[in-house]
Amino acid sequence: MKELAESIQVLWANDPQALKSYLLAFGAFAPLLSFCLMLLQALVAPLPAFAISLGNGMLFGGFWGGTLSLVSGVAAAWVCYELARYFGQDWVKSKLGTNNFTKAQTWIDRWGLWALVLLRLIPFLPFDPLSYLLGLSPMRRGRFLAANLIGQAPGAFFYASVGAGIFSL
């Protein structure tokens, strides 16, 4: 449990340099830990994933860091989607609030797949609420995953490239 608490503390700090130091301590297991941190931030800490993507870029470079960020980001979205399908609408409303749920659901009903792709392109927007909402929608899993892949790719590679270039030591 100490490791989980430490991981959450690193995520809440939202400090790419601290994340880099934390991940480096795990050596060859750093990519796996980064993947797990992306899942954790989606489930526990409602924070944008860009800090993890910056850290991935610092550690693994723009391409591999971006690839890791993209794969783990899509996996985190998928977990939220599946949780919403399993636990249902009341659970999602309890996480998001009824008013936010209703507003977002209306927008998703109107724009569908394009809502997902476009909202994934907006920097600093937490993906998790949208993934929970789409888990309640009739959108099929394959379309959800494909739209996430397309929508998350630019941000994942952008932030990893920034991390590789600006923050590298």
N, C-alpha and C. Protein backbone atom coordinates (compact mmCIF):
# COMPACT_ATOMS: atom_id res chain seq x y z
N MET A 1 0.81 -1.19 0.00
CA MET A 1 0.00 0.00 0.00
C MET A 1 0.86 1.27 0.00
N LYS A 2 2.06 1.15 0.54
CA LYS A 2 2.95 2.31 0.56
C LYS A 2 3.26 2.77 -0.86
N GLU A 3 3.46 1.81 -1.78
CA GLU A 3 3.76 2.14 -3.16
C GLU A 3 2.59 2.84 -3.84
N LEU A 4 1.37 2.38 -3.56
CA LEU A 4 0.19 3.01 -4.13
C LEU A 4 0.07 4.45 -3.63
N ALA A 5 0.27 4.66 -2.35
CA ALA A 5 0.19 6.01 -1.78
C ALA A 5 1.26 6.91 -2.40
N GLU A 6 2.46 6.37 -2.60
CA GLU A 6 3.53 7.15 -3.20
C GLU A 6 3.21 7.49 -4.65
N SER A 7 2.64 6.54 -5.39
CA SER A 7 2.25 6.80 -6.78
C SER A 7 1.21 7.90 -6.86
N ILE A 8 0.22 7.84 -5.99
CA ILE A 8 -0.83 8.86 -5.97
C ILE A 8 -0.23 10.23 -5.64
N GLN A 9 0.70 10.26 -4.70
CA GLN A 9 1.34 11.51 -4.32
C GLN A 9 2.10 12.11 -5.50
N VAL A 10 2.81 11.28 -6.26
CA VAL A 10 3.54 11.77 -7.43
C VAL A 10 2.58 12.32 -8.47
N LEU A 11 1.46 11.64 -8.67
CA LEU A 11 0.47 12.13 -9.64
C LEU A 11 -0.15 13.45 -9.20
N TRP A 12 -0.50 13.57 -7.94
CA TRP A 12 -1.12 14.79 -7.44
C TRP A 12 -0.16 15.98 -7.53
N ALA A 13 1.13 15.72 -7.41
CA ALA A 13 2.11 16.80 -7.49
C ALA A 13 2.12 17.44 -8.88
N ASN A 14 1.74 16.67 -9.91
CA ASN A 14 1.67 17.18 -11.28
C ASN A 14 3.00 17.82 -11.69
N ASP A 15 4.10 17.18 -11.31
CA ASP A 15 5.44 17.68 -11.56
C ASP A 15 6.19 16.68 -12.42
N PRO A 16 6.40 17.00 -13.71
CA PRO A 16 7.07 16.05 -14.60
C PRO A 16 8.46 15.62 -14.13
N GLN A 17 9.23 16.53 -13.52
CA GLN A 17 10.57 16.16 -13.04
C GLN A 17 10.48 15.14 -11.91
N ALA A 18 9.52 15.32 -11.00
CA ALA A 18 9.33 14.36 -9.90
C ALA A 18 8.88 13.02 -10.46
N LEU A 19 8.02 13.05 -11.47
CA LEU A 19 7.57 11.82 -12.11
C LEU A 19 8.74 11.10 -12.77
N LYS A 20 9.61 11.85 -13.42
CA LYS A 20 10.78 11.26 -14.06
C LYS A 20 11.66 10.55 -13.03
N SER A 21 11.95 11.22 -11.93
CA SER A 21 12.78 10.63 -10.88
C SER A 21 12.13 9.37 -10.31
N TYR A 22 10.84 9.46 -10.10
CA TYR A 22 10.09 8.32 -9.55
C TYR A 22 10.17 7.12 -10.50
N LEU A 23 9.96 7.36 -11.79
CA LEU A 23 9.98 6.26 -12.76
C LEU A 23 11.39 5.69 -12.94
N LEU A 24 12.40 6.56 -12.95
CA LEU A 24 13.78 6.09 -13.13
C LEU A 24 14.20 5.11 -12.04
N ALA A 25 13.65 5.25 -10.87
CA ALA A 25 14.01 4.37 -9.76
C ALA A 25 13.58 2.92 -10.04
N PHE A 26 12.72 2.70 -11.01
CA PHE A 26 12.23 1.35 -11.30
C PHE A 26 12.96 0.68 -12.45
N GLY A 27 13.97 1.33 -13.00
CA GLY A 27 14.81 0.73 -14.03
C GLY A 27 14.02 0.19 -15.20
N ALA A 28 14.24 -1.09 -15.53
CA ALA A 28 13.60 -1.72 -16.69
C ALA A 28 12.08 -1.81 -16.55
N PHE A 29 11.57 -1.68 -15.34
CA PHE A 29 10.12 -1.75 -15.12
C PHE A 29 9.44 -0.38 -15.27
N ALA A 30 10.21 0.65 -15.60
CA ALA A 30 9.66 2.00 -15.71
C ALA A 30 8.51 2.08 -16.73
N PRO A 31 8.61 1.47 -17.92
CA PRO A 31 7.46 1.55 -18.85
C PRO A 31 6.19 0.91 -18.28
N LEU A 32 6.34 -0.22 -17.61
CA LEU A 32 5.18 -0.87 -17.01
C LEU A 32 4.59 0.01 -15.91
N LEU A 33 5.44 0.61 -15.11
CA LEU A 33 4.96 1.49 -14.05
C LEU A 33 4.26 2.70 -14.64
N SER A 34 4.81 3.27 -15.71
CA SER A 34 4.17 4.41 -16.35
C SER A 34 2.79 4.03 -16.86
N PHE A 35 2.67 2.86 -17.45
CA PHE A 35 1.38 2.35 -17.93
C PHE A 35 0.39 2.26 -16.76
N CYS A 36 0.86 1.71 -15.66
CA CYS A 36 -0.01 1.58 -14.47
C CYS A 36 -0.39 2.94 -13.90
N LEU A 37 0.54 3.89 -13.93
CA LEU A 37 0.23 5.24 -13.45
C LEU A 37 -0.85 5.90 -14.31
N MET A 38 -0.81 5.64 -15.63
CA MET A 38 -1.84 6.20 -16.50
C MET A 38 -3.21 5.63 -16.13
N LEU A 39 -3.25 4.34 -15.83
CA LEU A 39 -4.50 3.73 -15.39
C LEU A 39 -4.93 4.32 -14.05
N LEU A 40 -3.99 4.47 -13.15
CA LEU A 40 -4.29 4.99 -11.82
C LEU A 40 -4.83 6.41 -11.89
N GLN A 41 -4.22 7.26 -12.70
CA GLN A 41 -4.71 8.64 -12.79
C GLN A 41 -6.13 8.68 -13.34
N ALA A 42 -6.49 7.73 -14.17
CA ALA A 42 -7.85 7.70 -14.70
C ALA A 42 -8.87 7.25 -13.64
N LEU A 43 -8.43 6.40 -12.74
CA LEU A 43 -9.35 5.82 -11.77
C LEU A 43 -9.39 6.56 -10.44
N VAL A 44 -8.27 7.10 -10.02
CA VAL A 44 -8.17 7.69 -8.69
C VAL A 44 -8.05 9.20 -8.75
N ALA A 45 -7.14 9.68 -9.51
CA ALA A 45 -6.86 11.10 -9.55
C ALA A 45 -7.45 11.72 -10.81
N PRO A 46 -8.44 12.56 -10.69
CA PRO A 46 -9.04 13.15 -11.90
C PRO A 46 -8.16 14.25 -12.49
N LEU A 47 -7.02 13.86 -12.96
CA LEU A 47 -6.06 14.81 -13.52
C LEU A 47 -5.84 14.51 -15.00
N PRO A 48 -5.53 15.54 -15.79
CA PRO A 48 -5.15 15.28 -17.17
C PRO A 48 -3.87 14.44 -17.21
N ALA A 49 -3.73 13.65 -18.22
CA ALA A 49 -2.62 12.71 -18.31
C ALA A 49 -1.36 13.34 -18.91
N PHE A 50 -1.39 14.63 -19.21
CA PHE A 50 -0.24 15.22 -19.90
C PHE A 50 1.05 15.15 -19.09
N ALA A 51 0.97 15.19 -17.76
CA ALA A 51 2.20 15.11 -16.96
C ALA A 51 2.88 13.76 -17.14
N ILE A 52 2.09 12.70 -17.25
CA ILE A 52 2.67 11.37 -17.48
C ILE A 52 3.27 11.32 -18.88
N SER A 53 2.59 11.92 -19.85
CA SER A 53 3.13 11.95 -21.21
C SER A 53 4.43 12.74 -21.28
N LEU A 54 4.50 13.85 -20.54
CA LEU A 54 5.76 14.61 -20.48
C LEU A 54 6.87 13.74 -19.87
N GLY A 55 6.53 13.05 -18.78
CA GLY A 55 7.51 12.15 -18.14
C GLY A 55 7.94 11.04 -19.07
N ASN A 56 7.00 10.48 -19.82
CA ASN A 56 7.36 9.43 -20.78
C ASN A 56 8.32 9.96 -21.84
N GLY A 57 8.08 11.18 -22.28
CA GLY A 57 8.99 11.78 -23.26
C GLY A 57 10.38 12.00 -22.69
N MET A 58 10.44 12.44 -21.43
CA MET A 58 11.74 12.66 -20.79
C MET A 58 12.52 11.35 -20.68
N LEU A 59 11.81 10.26 -20.37
CA LEU A 59 12.48 8.99 -20.15
C LEU A 59 12.74 8.19 -21.42
N PHE A 60 11.78 8.20 -22.33
CA PHE A 60 11.84 7.27 -23.46
C PHE A 60 11.92 7.95 -24.82
N GLY A 61 11.95 9.28 -24.83
CA GLY A 61 12.02 10.01 -26.09
C GLY A 61 10.64 10.29 -26.67
N GLY A 62 10.61 11.11 -27.70
CA GLY A 62 9.35 11.53 -28.29
C GLY A 62 8.54 10.39 -28.89
N PHE A 63 9.19 9.51 -29.64
CA PHE A 63 8.45 8.43 -30.30
C PHE A 63 8.00 7.36 -29.32
N TRP A 64 8.94 6.77 -28.59
CA TRP A 64 8.57 5.68 -27.67
C TRP A 64 7.76 6.19 -26.48
N GLY A 65 8.09 7.39 -26.01
CA GLY A 65 7.29 7.98 -24.94
C GLY A 65 5.88 8.28 -25.40
N GLY A 66 5.76 8.77 -26.63
CA GLY A 66 4.44 9.04 -27.20
C GLY A 66 3.65 7.75 -27.41
N THR A 67 4.34 6.72 -27.88
CA THR A 67 3.67 5.43 -28.09
C THR A 67 3.17 4.87 -26.77
N LEU A 68 4.01 4.91 -25.74
CA LEU A 68 3.61 4.43 -24.42
C LEU A 68 2.44 5.26 -23.88
N SER A 69 2.50 6.57 -24.05
CA SER A 69 1.41 7.43 -23.58
C SER A 69 0.11 7.14 -24.32
N LEU A 70 0.21 6.92 -25.61
CA LEU A 70 -0.98 6.64 -26.41
C LEU A 70 -1.61 5.31 -26.02
N VAL A 71 -0.80 4.27 -25.96
CA VAL A 71 -1.32 2.94 -25.62
C VAL A 71 -1.91 2.93 -24.20
N SER A 72 -1.20 3.51 -23.26
CA SER A 72 -1.70 3.51 -21.88
C SER A 72 -2.90 4.44 -21.73
N GLY A 73 -2.94 5.53 -22.47
CA GLY A 73 -4.09 6.43 -22.42
C GLY A 73 -5.35 5.79 -22.98
N VAL A 74 -5.20 5.07 -24.07
CA VAL A 74 -6.36 4.36 -24.65
C VAL A 74 -6.80 3.24 -23.70
N ALA A 75 -5.85 2.56 -23.09
CA ALA A 75 -6.20 1.50 -22.12
C ALA A 75 -6.94 2.09 -20.93
N ALA A 76 -6.51 3.25 -20.44
CA ALA A 76 -7.18 3.89 -19.31
C ALA A 76 -8.60 4.30 -19.68
N ALA A 77 -8.78 4.83 -20.89
CA ALA A 77 -10.12 5.19 -21.35
C ALA A 77 -11.01 3.96 -21.44
N TRP A 78 -10.44 2.86 -21.92
CA TRP A 78 -11.19 1.62 -22.06
C TRP A 78 -11.65 1.08 -20.69
N VAL A 79 -10.77 1.17 -19.70
CA VAL A 79 -11.13 0.73 -18.35
C VAL A 79 -12.32 1.55 -17.84
N CYS A 80 -12.28 2.87 -18.02
CA CYS A 80 -13.40 3.71 -17.58
C CYS A 80 -14.68 3.35 -18.32
N TYR A 81 -14.58 3.13 -19.61
CA TYR A 81 -15.71 2.73 -20.45
C TYR A 81 -16.34 1.44 -19.93
N GLU A 82 -15.49 0.45 -19.64
CA GLU A 82 -15.98 -0.85 -19.17
C GLU A 82 -16.57 -0.75 -17.76
N LEU A 83 -15.97 0.07 -16.90
CA LEU A 83 -16.53 0.26 -15.56
C LEU A 83 -17.94 0.85 -15.64
N ALA A 84 -18.13 1.81 -16.51
CA ALA A 84 -19.45 2.42 -16.67
C ALA A 84 -20.46 1.39 -17.18
N ARG A 85 -20.05 0.54 -18.11
CA ARG A 85 -20.95 -0.50 -18.62
C ARG A 85 -21.31 -1.49 -17.51
N TYR A 86 -20.36 -1.78 -16.66
CA TYR A 86 -20.58 -2.76 -15.61
C TYR A 86 -21.44 -2.18 -14.47
N PHE A 87 -21.08 -0.98 -13.99
CA PHE A 87 -21.76 -0.41 -12.82
C PHE A 87 -23.00 0.40 -13.16
N GLY A 88 -23.11 0.92 -14.37
CA GLY A 88 -24.33 1.57 -14.81
C GLY A 88 -24.44 3.06 -14.55
N GLN A 89 -25.59 3.58 -14.95
CA GLN A 89 -25.84 5.01 -14.96
C GLN A 89 -25.81 5.65 -13.58
N ASP A 90 -26.38 5.04 -12.59
CA ASP A 90 -26.39 5.64 -11.26
C ASP A 90 -24.97 5.82 -10.73
N TRP A 91 -24.11 4.86 -10.97
CA TRP A 91 -22.72 4.94 -10.52
C TRP A 91 -22.00 6.09 -11.23
N VAL A 92 -22.21 6.20 -12.55
CA VAL A 92 -21.57 7.28 -13.31
C VAL A 92 -22.08 8.64 -12.84
N LYS A 93 -23.38 8.75 -12.61
CA LYS A 93 -23.94 10.01 -12.11
C LYS A 93 -23.33 10.38 -10.76
N SER A 94 -23.09 9.39 -9.92
CA SER A 94 -22.50 9.66 -8.61
C SER A 94 -21.07 10.18 -8.75
N LYS A 95 -20.37 9.75 -9.78
CA LYS A 95 -19.00 10.21 -10.01
C LYS A 95 -18.96 11.60 -10.63
N LEU A 96 -19.90 11.88 -11.54
CA LEU A 96 -19.85 13.12 -12.31
C LEU A 96 -20.79 14.21 -11.81
N GLY A 97 -21.80 13.82 -11.07
CA GLY A 97 -22.84 14.77 -10.68
C GLY A 97 -23.95 14.76 -11.72
N THR A 98 -25.18 14.81 -11.27
CA THR A 98 -26.32 14.69 -12.17
C THR A 98 -26.36 15.80 -13.21
N ASN A 99 -26.09 17.04 -12.82
CA ASN A 99 -26.14 18.16 -13.76
C ASN A 99 -25.08 18.01 -14.85
N ASN A 100 -23.84 17.72 -14.47
CA ASN A 100 -22.78 17.51 -15.46
C ASN A 100 -23.10 16.33 -16.36
N PHE A 101 -23.64 15.27 -15.76
CA PHE A 101 -23.99 14.09 -16.52
C PHE A 101 -25.01 14.43 -17.61
N THR A 102 -26.05 15.16 -17.24
CA THR A 102 -27.13 15.49 -18.18
C THR A 102 -26.63 16.38 -19.31
N LYS A 103 -25.85 17.40 -18.99
CA LYS A 103 -25.31 18.29 -20.02
C LYS A 103 -24.41 17.53 -21.00
N ALA A 104 -23.52 16.75 -20.45
CA ALA A 104 -22.58 16.01 -21.30
C ALA A 104 -23.30 14.96 -22.14
N GLN A 105 -24.26 14.29 -21.55
CA GLN A 105 -24.99 13.25 -22.27
C GLN A 105 -25.76 13.84 -23.45
N THR A 106 -26.32 15.02 -23.28
CA THR A 106 -27.02 15.70 -24.37
C THR A 106 -26.07 16.01 -25.51
N TRP A 107 -24.88 16.47 -25.18
CA TRP A 107 -23.88 16.80 -26.19
C TRP A 107 -23.42 15.54 -26.92
N ILE A 108 -23.18 14.48 -26.19
CA ILE A 108 -22.74 13.23 -26.80
C ILE A 108 -23.84 12.65 -27.69
N ASP A 109 -25.09 12.71 -27.23
CA ASP A 109 -26.20 12.21 -28.04
C ASP A 109 -26.30 12.96 -29.36
N ARG A 110 -25.97 14.24 -29.32
CA ARG A 110 -26.06 15.05 -30.54
C ARG A 110 -24.90 14.78 -31.50
N TRP A 111 -23.67 14.67 -30.97
CA TRP A 111 -22.48 14.60 -31.81
C TRP A 111 -21.88 13.20 -31.94
N GLY A 112 -22.21 12.30 -31.05
CA GLY A 112 -21.78 10.91 -31.14
C GLY A 112 -20.27 10.72 -31.21
N LEU A 113 -19.84 9.95 -32.20
CA LEU A 113 -18.43 9.60 -32.37
C LEU A 113 -17.55 10.84 -32.50
N TRP A 114 -18.04 11.86 -33.18
CA TRP A 114 -17.25 13.08 -33.36
C TRP A 114 -17.01 13.79 -32.03
N ALA A 115 -17.93 13.66 -31.10
CA ALA A 115 -17.73 14.26 -29.78
C ALA A 115 -16.49 13.67 -29.14
N LEU A 116 -16.34 12.37 -29.25
CA LEU A 116 -15.18 11.70 -28.66
C LEU A 116 -13.88 12.14 -29.32
N VAL A 117 -13.84 12.09 -30.63
CA VAL A 117 -12.61 12.46 -31.34
C VAL A 117 -12.23 13.91 -31.04
N LEU A 118 -13.18 14.81 -31.14
CA LEU A 118 -12.89 16.23 -30.94
C LEU A 118 -12.52 16.56 -29.50
N LEU A 119 -13.22 15.99 -28.54
CA LEU A 119 -12.91 16.28 -27.14
C LEU A 119 -11.55 15.71 -26.73
N ARG A 120 -11.13 14.64 -27.36
CA ARG A 120 -9.80 14.09 -27.07
C ARG A 120 -8.70 15.01 -27.55
N LEU A 121 -8.99 15.87 -28.50
CA LEU A 121 -7.98 16.78 -29.03
C LEU A 121 -7.77 18.02 -28.17
N ILE A 122 -8.66 18.28 -27.22
CA ILE A 122 -8.56 19.49 -26.39
C ILE A 122 -7.55 19.25 -25.27
N PRO A 123 -6.49 20.07 -25.23
CA PRO A 123 -5.47 19.90 -24.20
C PRO A 123 -6.04 20.13 -22.80
N PHE A 124 -5.50 19.44 -21.86
CA PHE A 124 -5.80 19.57 -20.43
C PHE A 124 -7.21 19.12 -20.04
N LEU A 125 -7.98 18.60 -20.97
CA LEU A 125 -9.32 18.12 -20.64
C LEU A 125 -9.22 16.69 -20.11
N PRO A 126 -9.71 16.44 -18.90
CA PRO A 126 -9.66 15.06 -18.38
C PRO A 126 -10.54 14.15 -19.25
N PHE A 127 -9.98 13.02 -19.64
CA PHE A 127 -10.68 12.09 -20.53
C PHE A 127 -11.68 11.22 -19.78
N ASP A 128 -11.46 11.02 -18.52
CA ASP A 128 -12.21 10.00 -17.78
C ASP A 128 -13.72 10.23 -17.78
N PRO A 129 -14.21 11.44 -17.50
CA PRO A 129 -15.67 11.61 -17.50
C PRO A 129 -16.31 11.24 -18.84
N LEU A 130 -15.66 11.61 -19.92
CA LEU A 130 -16.18 11.28 -21.24
C LEU A 130 -16.20 9.77 -21.46
N SER A 131 -15.17 9.09 -21.02
CA SER A 131 -15.11 7.64 -21.18
C SER A 131 -16.22 6.96 -20.38
N TYR A 132 -16.47 7.46 -19.17
CA TYR A 132 -17.57 6.90 -18.37
C TYR A 132 -18.90 7.10 -19.09
N LEU A 133 -19.13 8.30 -19.60
CA LEU A 133 -20.38 8.59 -20.29
C LEU A 133 -20.56 7.72 -21.53
N LEU A 134 -19.49 7.55 -22.28
CA LEU A 134 -19.60 6.74 -23.49
C LEU A 134 -19.75 5.26 -23.18
N GLY A 135 -19.34 4.86 -22.00
CA GLY A 135 -19.59 3.48 -21.58
C GLY A 135 -21.08 3.20 -21.41
N LEU A 136 -21.86 4.24 -21.21
CA LEU A 136 -23.31 4.10 -21.07
C LEU A 136 -24.02 4.23 -22.41
N SER A 137 -23.32 4.68 -23.41
CA SER A 137 -23.93 4.93 -24.72
C SER A 137 -23.98 3.64 -25.54
N PRO A 138 -24.69 3.68 -26.64
CA PRO A 138 -24.72 2.49 -27.51
C PRO A 138 -23.45 2.34 -28.36
N MET A 139 -22.47 3.25 -28.20
CA MET A 139 -21.25 3.16 -28.99
C MET A 139 -20.55 1.83 -28.73
N ARG A 140 -20.23 1.14 -29.79
CA ARG A 140 -19.55 -0.15 -29.67
C ARG A 140 -18.09 0.04 -29.26
N ARG A 141 -17.58 -0.96 -28.62
CA ARG A 141 -16.22 -0.97 -28.10
C ARG A 141 -15.18 -0.62 -29.17
N GLY A 142 -15.27 -1.26 -30.32
CA GLY A 142 -14.29 -1.02 -31.38
C GLY A 142 -14.27 0.42 -31.85
N ARG A 143 -15.43 1.01 -32.02
CA ARG A 143 -15.51 2.42 -32.43
C ARG A 143 -14.96 3.33 -31.33
N PHE A 144 -15.27 2.99 -30.09
CA PHE A 144 -14.76 3.76 -28.95
C PHE A 144 -13.23 3.74 -28.95
N LEU A 145 -12.65 2.56 -29.08
CA LEU A 145 -11.19 2.43 -29.05
C LEU A 145 -10.55 3.13 -30.24
N ALA A 146 -11.14 2.98 -31.43
CA ALA A 146 -10.57 3.63 -32.62
C ALA A 146 -10.63 5.16 -32.49
N ALA A 147 -11.75 5.68 -32.01
CA ALA A 147 -11.88 7.13 -31.85
C ALA A 147 -10.89 7.65 -30.81
N ASN A 148 -10.68 6.88 -29.75
CA ASN A 148 -9.69 7.27 -28.74
C ASN A 148 -8.29 7.28 -29.32
N LEU A 149 -7.97 6.28 -30.09
CA LEU A 149 -6.65 6.19 -30.71
C LEU A 149 -6.40 7.41 -31.60
N ILE A 150 -7.38 7.75 -32.42
CA ILE A 150 -7.24 8.90 -33.31
C ILE A 150 -7.19 10.20 -32.52
N GLY A 151 -8.08 10.34 -31.55
CA GLY A 151 -8.17 11.59 -30.80
C GLY A 151 -7.02 11.82 -29.82
N GLN A 152 -6.48 10.75 -29.27
CA GLN A 152 -5.41 10.90 -28.28
C GLN A 152 -4.02 10.98 -28.90
N ALA A 153 -3.84 10.48 -30.12
CA ALA A 153 -2.51 10.42 -30.73
C ALA A 153 -1.80 11.78 -30.79
N PRO A 154 -2.44 12.82 -31.31
CA PRO A 154 -1.70 14.10 -31.39
C PRO A 154 -1.18 14.59 -30.03
N GLY A 155 -2.02 14.55 -29.02
CA GLY A 155 -1.60 15.01 -27.70
C GLY A 155 -0.52 14.14 -27.08
N ALA A 156 -0.66 12.82 -27.22
CA ALA A 156 0.33 11.90 -26.64
C ALA A 156 1.71 12.16 -27.22
N PHE A 157 1.79 12.29 -28.54
CA PHE A 157 3.10 12.51 -29.17
C PHE A 157 3.59 13.94 -28.97
N PHE A 158 2.68 14.89 -28.93
CA PHE A 158 3.09 16.27 -28.68
C PHE A 158 3.72 16.41 -27.30
N TYR A 159 3.02 15.95 -26.26
CA TYR A 159 3.53 16.09 -24.90
C TYR A 159 4.80 15.28 -24.69
N ALA A 160 4.87 14.09 -25.28
CA ALA A 160 6.10 13.30 -25.16
C ALA A 160 7.27 14.00 -25.85
N SER A 161 7.02 14.62 -27.00
CA SER A 161 8.07 15.34 -27.69
C SER A 161 8.53 16.56 -26.91
N VAL A 162 7.58 17.25 -26.30
CA VAL A 162 7.94 18.39 -25.45
C VAL A 162 8.78 17.89 -24.27
N GLY A 163 8.35 16.80 -23.65
CA GLY A 163 9.11 16.23 -22.54
C GLY A 163 10.50 15.82 -22.95
N ALA A 164 10.62 15.24 -24.13
CA ALA A 164 11.94 14.82 -24.63
C ALA A 164 12.84 16.00 -24.92
N GLY A 165 12.26 17.09 -25.41
CA GLY A 165 13.07 18.23 -25.82
C GLY A 165 13.36 19.23 -24.72
N ILE A 166 12.36 19.62 -24.00
CA ILE A 166 12.52 20.70 -23.01
C ILE A 166 13.01 20.20 -21.67
N PHE A 167 12.44 19.09 -21.20
CA PHE A 167 12.73 18.65 -19.86
C PHE A 167 13.85 17.63 -19.74
N SER A 168 14.40 17.19 -20.86
CA SER A 168 15.45 16.15 -20.76
C SER A 168 16.71 16.73 -20.12
N LEU A 169 17.36 15.85 -19.40
CA LEU A 169 18.58 16.29 -18.70
C LEU A 169 19.82 15.84 -19.43
